[in-house]
Each structure stands twice: as C-alpha cells, then as structure tokens.
C-alpha cells in the first residue's frame, strides 16, 4: 500500500517537555522506529507538525534586539522544516539503510482572503499559565486561547488548497524514495493575482488538513495520523471518556471535538475517507503498525 503518515507534535516534543535538542532527538528516534516498521512493507510519505518549534523560534525572534522586527511565520516555518526534516530524515535513513530517504522543503498554497486570518485558532509555541499568557498578549500583541488546562498563542490557520511540490513528491515516491515533506502543514504561500508569483504569508497551515490534501493528491491507500492518545475518544478529559474504535465520517461529525487539537484530525480523516473511499486511522505513535492493521486506534471509513 501507499501510506501517508502524519506525525503529531509529540513526535518531537511531548507536553511539558523542555524544547532541548537532545529531548527532541530522543523522541524522534521512537517515531522513526515506528515508521520504519511500516515502511519495510509499504510505500510511505511522512508529514509532521511544528507547533512547539515554530512557537519557540517566534519567541526567540521577538526577543532578538539585533532585529528591527521579528521574522515572519512563513520563514520560521521553513526553518522548522529544515530542523525537523534533518532529524527525522537522518533517523529514518539509519533505520532503513537500504532505502532512499529524502526531506523536501514544501510550500502550501492558501488564499489571502481566507477568513482564518480574522479568526486565529492554530496553537503554536509552549504552554503558559493564564497569567503568563495574558502578559505575553499585552507585551507582544499575541492572540491567546486556552488549550486544556493551559494557555497558548494562536495564529491564523488558512485552509490548504494545494501542495506546490506535489508533482515532485509523486515522482520521488515512484522511484521508491521515502519522502519527508509538508512539515508543519507546509510553508504558507499565496499566488499574486497580477503576475502569478508566489510569496509567503504570515500564518501556519494545519498539518493534518495538508496531510489529507496530499494523501488524496498522491492517491494514498491510507492516511495514518499519529498522536499522543491511543484512539479518538468521546468525552476526552472527563470521567465519562469512551473509545471510538470504528466510525464513519457522519458518525464523527455528530460528535464534538476540540477545534485546536483533535478537531482538525477528525476533519482531515473524514475528508480523506469521503473523497477517496479509502481509510484513515488515528492513534498513538508507538502503535503505528497495529493501527494500520486495525488492531488499535480508530478507523474512519465511508463504509461502516
């Protein structure tokens, strides 16, 4: 099968961990081992998140007195693609010495008129207490929102329209290359209406929606979305939590999931299943092969 694996932010940094390089490298070794177990038997494309990393770089840029103004989010997104892509690509190459592994800097086309620019929802950066978050909002003009029991910065997350390098990715996969791409949802770009040129824009594209878009464009047989929970759960964080092992898109859309975390994964999985008739899966990183075999995690299929 051709499988697109979308890694959540926990592939590099789990909640509460400090963003030190050695911690991220240790986490990514676990991710690479799980991916390799699948890649030995299937064609694999890997995408990944960058929320903690791009937020960290944004803080550093805002605090750098050598700059007249902070770096924009599109450039910071490109920097995180390079950092994470290097770590992930190297770890995968070490796990799969007989395979070609390539990391590709990727752009994602969005619309400058997307309403998301007026309603930021995408979490980036570390978690804060309510007081810390409000202080940062006052000091730096950030938009903040609650994320569970903590607070984080939120930025615009326009809907992805196309991965600019889709044809190149398809060509590379066709040669047997394991491709790491669309990191952080891809660097957000818009196309100028006058001359057709691309330019970066201040935003972060949701990684899961880009993963679903790319999986459809590459005619993947399965979309595997890996996170830090064992499966989709009804009533997550409450005493009445229950696991959802199998569901149709219609059944999942009848439920309520947090917009900043599980919500985009559900939307992406439902879209992929409905559009292609193939299957999407959501579950824990360490269970990746078992999820693909429908032994763990949540399976989302248009056919019950």
Protein backbone atom coordinates (compact mmCIF):
# COMPACT_ATOMS: atom_id res chain seq x y z
CA UNK A 1 0.00 0.00 0.00
CA UNK A 2 0.89 3.64 -0.26
CA UNK A 3 0.55 5.15 3.21
CA UNK A 4 0.81 8.78 4.21
CA UNK A 5 1.86 9.04 7.86
CA UNK A 6 1.10 12.34 9.58
CA UNK A 7 3.14 12.77 12.75
CA UNK A 8 1.72 14.92 15.52
CA UNK A 9 3.78 17.33 17.58
CA UNK A 10 4.51 14.56 20.09
CA UNK A 11 6.91 13.03 17.57
CA UNK A 12 9.44 15.60 18.72
CA UNK A 13 8.15 17.14 21.91
CA UNK A 14 5.63 15.80 24.40
CA UNK A 15 3.53 18.06 26.56
CA UNK A 16 5.50 19.51 29.44
CA UNK A 17 8.93 18.67 28.00
CA UNK A 18 11.50 21.41 27.50
CA UNK A 19 12.39 22.04 23.84
CA UNK A 20 16.01 20.92 24.21
CA UNK A 21 17.61 19.34 21.16
CA UNK A 22 18.57 16.12 22.93
CA UNK A 23 14.98 15.57 24.10
CA UNK A 24 13.64 16.11 20.58
CA UNK A 25 16.25 13.81 19.07
CA UNK A 26 15.37 11.04 21.54
CA UNK A 27 11.66 11.38 20.76
CA UNK A 28 12.26 11.28 17.04
CA UNK A 29 14.17 8.02 17.30
CA UNK A 30 10.97 6.46 18.68
CA UNK A 31 8.98 7.94 15.81
CA UNK A 32 11.45 6.70 13.20
CA UNK A 33 11.40 3.18 14.61
CA UNK A 34 7.59 3.09 14.39
CA UNK A 35 7.56 4.45 10.83
CA UNK A 36 10.27 2.00 9.74
CA UNK A 37 8.13 -0.95 10.82
CA UNK A 38 5.55 0.19 8.25
CA UNK A 39 8.00 1.37 5.58
CA UNK A 40 9.58 -2.08 5.33
CA UNK A 41 6.34 -3.35 3.78
CA UNK A 42 4.68 -0.28 2.21
CA UNK A 43 5.38 2.92 0.28
CA UNK A 44 5.50 5.71 2.84
CA UNK A 45 5.26 9.51 2.79
CA UNK A 46 5.79 11.31 6.11
CA UNK A 47 4.46 14.69 7.17
CA UNK A 48 4.95 16.26 10.60
CA UNK A 49 3.90 19.05 12.91
CA UNK A 50 5.96 22.03 14.05
CA UNK A 51 3.78 23.89 16.58
CA UNK A 52 6.18 23.89 19.55
CA UNK A 53 9.21 24.53 17.37
CA UNK A 54 7.80 27.43 15.34
CA UNK A 55 6.49 28.99 18.53
CA UNK A 56 9.89 28.71 20.16
CA UNK A 57 11.61 30.35 17.17
CA UNK A 58 8.98 33.11 17.16
CA UNK A 59 9.73 33.88 20.81
CA UNK A 60 13.47 33.97 20.13
CA UNK A 61 12.98 36.21 17.11
CA UNK A 62 10.73 38.60 19.03
CA UNK A 63 13.31 38.87 21.81
CA UNK A 64 16.30 39.41 19.49
CA UNK A 65 17.33 43.05 19.83
CA UNK A 66 19.55 42.77 16.75
CA UNK A 67 16.41 42.60 14.59
CA UNK A 68 14.32 45.62 13.65
CA UNK A 69 11.26 43.34 13.57
CA UNK A 70 10.69 39.60 14.20
CA UNK A 71 10.90 37.05 11.40
CA UNK A 72 7.51 36.27 9.82
CA UNK A 73 5.85 32.92 10.43
CA UNK A 74 6.39 31.63 6.89
CA UNK A 75 10.17 31.96 7.25
CA UNK A 76 10.08 30.44 10.73
CA UNK A 77 8.03 27.56 9.30
CA UNK A 78 10.71 26.96 6.68
CA UNK A 79 13.37 26.93 9.40
CA UNK A 80 11.48 24.30 11.38
CA UNK A 81 11.04 22.18 8.26
CA UNK A 82 14.80 22.15 7.89
CA UNK A 83 15.47 21.32 11.54
CA UNK A 84 12.82 18.62 11.93
CA UNK A 85 13.37 17.26 8.45
CA UNK A 86 17.07 16.82 9.16
CA UNK A 87 16.44 14.95 12.41
CA UNK A 88 13.64 12.81 11.03
CA UNK A 89 15.31 12.07 7.70
CA UNK A 90 18.55 11.02 9.35
CA UNK A 91 16.78 8.78 11.87
CA UNK A 92 14.75 7.11 9.12
CA UNK A 93 17.84 6.58 6.97
CA UNK A 94 19.55 4.88 9.90
CA UNK A 95 16.51 2.65 10.45
CA UNK A 96 16.24 1.85 6.73
CA UNK A 97 19.80 1.76 5.35
CA UNK A 98 18.70 0.07 2.12
CA UNK A 99 16.10 2.76 1.26
CA UNK A 100 16.44 6.22 -0.19
CA UNK A 101 15.13 8.85 2.23
CA UNK A 102 14.66 12.47 1.16
CA UNK A 103 13.48 15.54 3.07
CA UNK A 104 11.79 18.16 0.89
CA UNK A 105 11.13 21.78 1.82
CA UNK A 106 7.49 22.23 0.93
CA UNK A 107 5.15 25.16 0.24
CA UNK A 108 1.37 25.08 0.61
CA UNK A 109 -0.86 27.38 -1.40
CA UNK A 110 -3.57 29.21 0.57
CA UNK A 111 -5.96 32.06 -0.18
CA UNK A 112 -5.12 35.54 1.08
CA UNK A 113 -8.89 36.05 1.52
CA UNK A 114 -9.29 33.03 3.81
CA UNK A 115 -11.47 34.04 6.81
CA UNK A 116 -8.98 32.29 9.12
CA UNK A 117 -6.85 35.43 9.02
CA UNK A 118 -9.56 37.20 11.01
CA UNK A 119 -10.04 34.30 13.46
CA UNK A 120 -6.72 32.78 14.67
CA UNK A 121 -7.12 29.23 16.03
CA UNK A 122 -3.84 27.38 15.43
CA UNK A 123 -1.79 26.68 18.58
CA UNK A 124 1.93 27.41 18.35
CA UNK A 125 4.68 27.54 20.93
CA UNK A 126 4.90 26.42 24.55
CA UNK A 127 2.13 26.26 27.12
CA UNK A 128 1.64 29.02 29.72
CA UNK A 129 -0.37 29.74 32.79
CA UNK A 130 -3.27 32.11 32.25
CA UNK A 131 -1.33 34.99 33.80
CA UNK A 132 1.79 34.34 31.71
CA UNK A 133 -0.26 34.12 28.52
CA UNK A 134 -2.09 37.39 29.16
CA UNK A 135 1.19 39.14 29.96
CA UNK A 136 2.64 37.98 26.61
CA UNK A 137 -0.52 39.07 24.83
CA UNK A 138 -0.18 42.57 26.32
CA UNK A 139 3.57 42.74 25.67
CA UNK A 140 3.74 41.35 22.13
CA UNK A 141 0.22 41.61 20.77
CA UNK A 142 -0.30 37.84 20.65
CA UNK A 143 -3.72 36.28 20.37
CA UNK A 144 -4.07 33.63 23.09
CA UNK A 145 -6.54 30.84 23.83
CA UNK A 146 -6.99 28.05 26.39
CA UNK A 147 -5.53 24.65 25.50
CA UNK A 148 -6.90 22.26 28.08
CA UNK A 149 -5.75 23.46 31.49
CA UNK A 150 -3.08 25.73 30.00
CA UNK A 151 -2.89 28.66 27.58
CA UNK A 152 -1.05 29.07 24.29
CA UNK A 153 -0.58 31.51 21.45
CA UNK A 154 -2.89 31.07 18.45
CA UNK A 155 -2.21 32.24 14.89
CA UNK A 156 -4.19 32.20 11.61
CA UNK A 157 -4.56 28.76 10.02
CA UNK A 158 -5.88 29.15 6.45
CA UNK A 159 -7.24 26.13 4.60
CA UNK A 160 -4.65 24.44 2.34
CA UNK A 161 -5.50 24.45 -1.36
CA UNK A 162 -2.54 22.62 -2.89
CA UNK A 163 0.97 21.50 -2.00
CA UNK A 164 3.10 23.30 -4.57
CA UNK A 165 5.63 20.44 -4.88
CA UNK A 166 3.02 17.66 -5.30
CA UNK A 167 4.31 16.52 -8.69
CA UNK A 168 7.88 16.32 -7.43
CA UNK A 169 6.80 14.32 -4.38
CA UNK A 170 4.84 11.91 -6.57
CA UNK A 171 7.87 11.43 -8.82
CA UNK A 172 10.16 10.72 -5.85
CA UNK A 173 7.73 8.23 -4.30
CA UNK A 174 7.50 6.50 -7.66
CA UNK A 175 11.22 5.72 -7.51
CA UNK A 176 10.85 4.06 -4.09
CA UNK A 177 12.03 7.06 -2.08
CA UNK A 178 10.62 7.62 1.40
CA UNK A 179 9.77 11.32 1.36
CA UNK A 180 9.53 13.59 4.41
CA UNK A 181 7.57 16.67 3.36
CA UNK A 182 4.84 19.20 4.18
CA UNK A 183 6.37 19.85 7.59
CA UNK A 184 4.12 22.00 9.76
CA UNK A 185 1.49 21.86 7.01
CA UNK A 186 3.95 23.39 4.54
CA UNK A 187 5.18 26.97 4.30
CA UNK A 188 2.03 29.05 3.63
CA UNK A 189 2.19 30.95 0.35
CA UNK A 190 -0.27 32.89 -1.81
CA UNK A 191 -0.17 33.47 -5.56
CA UNK A 192 -0.14 37.06 -6.76
CA UNK A 193 -3.20 37.79 -8.92
CA UNK A 194 -1.25 40.06 -11.24
CA UNK A 195 1.86 38.08 -12.13
CA UNK A 196 1.22 34.62 -10.64
CA UNK A 197 4.28 34.71 -8.41
CA UNK A 198 4.30 33.03 -5.01
CA UNK A 199 5.02 34.86 -1.76
CA UNK A 200 4.97 33.80 1.85
CA UNK A 201 2.21 34.88 4.20
CA UNK A 202 2.01 35.22 7.99
CA UNK A 203 0.22 32.04 9.07
CA UNK A 204 0.61 28.36 9.98
CA UNK A 205 -1.27 25.78 7.91
CA UNK A 206 -2.82 22.90 9.84
CA UNK A 207 -0.59 19.87 9.32
CA UNK A 208 -3.47 17.37 9.33
CA UNK A 209 -5.51 19.16 6.67
CA UNK A 210 -2.41 19.39 4.46
CA UNK A 211 -1.70 15.71 5.08
CA UNK A 212 -5.20 14.74 3.91
CA UNK A 213 -4.91 17.00 0.86
CA UNK A 214 -1.56 15.49 -0.07
CA UNK A 215 -2.71 11.92 0.59
CA UNK A 216 -5.57 12.40 -1.85
CA UNK A 217 -3.34 14.03 -4.48
CA UNK A 218 -0.79 11.20 -4.22
CA UNK A 219 -3.54 8.53 -4.36
CA UNK A 220 -2.52 7.08 -1.00
CA UNK A 221 -4.37 3.95 0.09
CA UNK A 222 -4.38 5.01 3.73
CA UNK A 223 -3.92 8.11 5.86
CA UNK A 224 -2.35 7.32 9.23
CA UNK A 225 -2.48 10.18 11.74
CA UNK A 226 -0.30 9.57 14.79
CA UNK A 227 -0.66 11.50 18.03
CA UNK A 228 -0.32 11.03 21.81
CA UNK A 229 -3.68 9.37 22.53
CA UNK A 230 -4.50 5.70 21.81
CA UNK A 231 -7.59 6.49 19.73
CA UNK A 232 -10.37 9.01 19.19
CA UNK A 233 -12.25 9.36 22.46
CA UNK A 234 -15.73 10.56 23.26
CA UNK A 235 -15.65 12.84 26.33
CA UNK A 236 -11.87 13.20 26.34
CA UNK A 237 -10.63 14.57 29.66
CA UNK A 238 -13.82 13.70 31.51
CA UNK A 239 -14.83 10.82 33.78
CA UNK A 240 -17.11 9.50 31.01
CA UNK A 241 -14.41 9.02 28.38
CA UNK A 242 -15.06 6.17 25.92
CA UNK A 243 -13.00 4.91 23.00
CA UNK A 244 -14.26 5.14 19.42
CA UNK A 245 -12.67 2.29 17.50
CA UNK A 246 -14.57 2.44 14.21
CA UNK A 247 -16.65 5.24 12.75
CA UNK A 248 -17.97 6.75 9.56
CA UNK A 249 -17.43 10.45 8.81
CA UNK A 250 -21.11 11.11 9.52
CA UNK A 251 -20.85 9.50 12.94
CA UNK A 252 -17.76 11.51 13.88
CA UNK A 253 -19.28 14.78 12.69
CA UNK A 254 -22.18 14.19 15.05
CA UNK A 255 -19.71 14.38 17.95
CA UNK A 256 -17.85 17.40 19.35
CA UNK A 257 -14.06 17.57 19.33
CA UNK A 258 -11.74 20.45 20.37
CA UNK A 259 -11.05 22.79 17.45
CA UNK A 260 -7.38 23.24 18.31
CA UNK A 261 -6.33 19.61 18.73
CA UNK A 262 -8.42 16.57 17.75
CA UNK A 263 -10.89 18.60 15.68
CA UNK A 264 -8.58 19.14 12.67
CA UNK A 265 -7.58 15.46 12.70
CA UNK A 266 -11.23 14.42 12.58
CA UNK A 267 -11.95 16.88 9.77
CA UNK A 268 -8.93 15.68 7.78
CA UNK A 269 -9.71 12.00 8.30
CA UNK A 270 -13.37 12.44 7.33
CA UNK A 271 -12.47 14.45 4.24
CA UNK A 272 -9.97 11.84 3.06
CA UNK A 273 -12.35 8.91 3.66
CA UNK A 274 -15.27 10.61 1.91
CA UNK A 275 -13.31 11.90 -1.05
CA UNK A 276 -11.30 8.77 -1.82
CA UNK A 277 -13.32 5.88 -0.38
CA UNK A 278 -10.12 4.78 1.36
CA UNK A 279 -9.42 4.58 5.08
CA UNK A 280 -7.98 6.99 7.61
CA UNK A 281 -6.66 5.98 11.02
CA UNK A 282 -5.94 7.95 14.21
CA UNK A 283 -3.95 6.63 17.16
CA UNK A 284 -0.80 6.61 19.25
CA UNK A 285 2.62 6.90 17.64
CA UNK A 286 4.01 3.76 19.27
CA UNK A 287 1.05 1.70 17.97
CA UNK A 288 1.51 2.70 14.32
CA UNK A 289 1.76 -0.77 12.69
CA UNK A 290 -1.08 -2.16 14.82
CA UNK A 291 -3.28 0.82 13.94
CA UNK A 292 -2.73 0.22 10.23
CA UNK A 293 -3.72 -3.43 10.79
CA UNK A 294 -6.91 -2.25 12.56
CA UNK A 295 -5.81 -3.81 15.83
CA UNK A 296 -5.63 -0.48 17.71
CA UNK A 297 -6.54 3.14 17.23
CA UNK A 298 -9.59 4.47 15.39
CA UNK A 299 -10.54 3.55 11.83
CA UNK A 300 -12.52 6.10 9.82
CA UNK A 301 -14.14 4.77 6.67
CA UNK A 302 -17.01 5.93 4.48
CA UNK A 303 -18.22 2.33 4.58
CA UNK A 304 -19.33 1.24 8.04
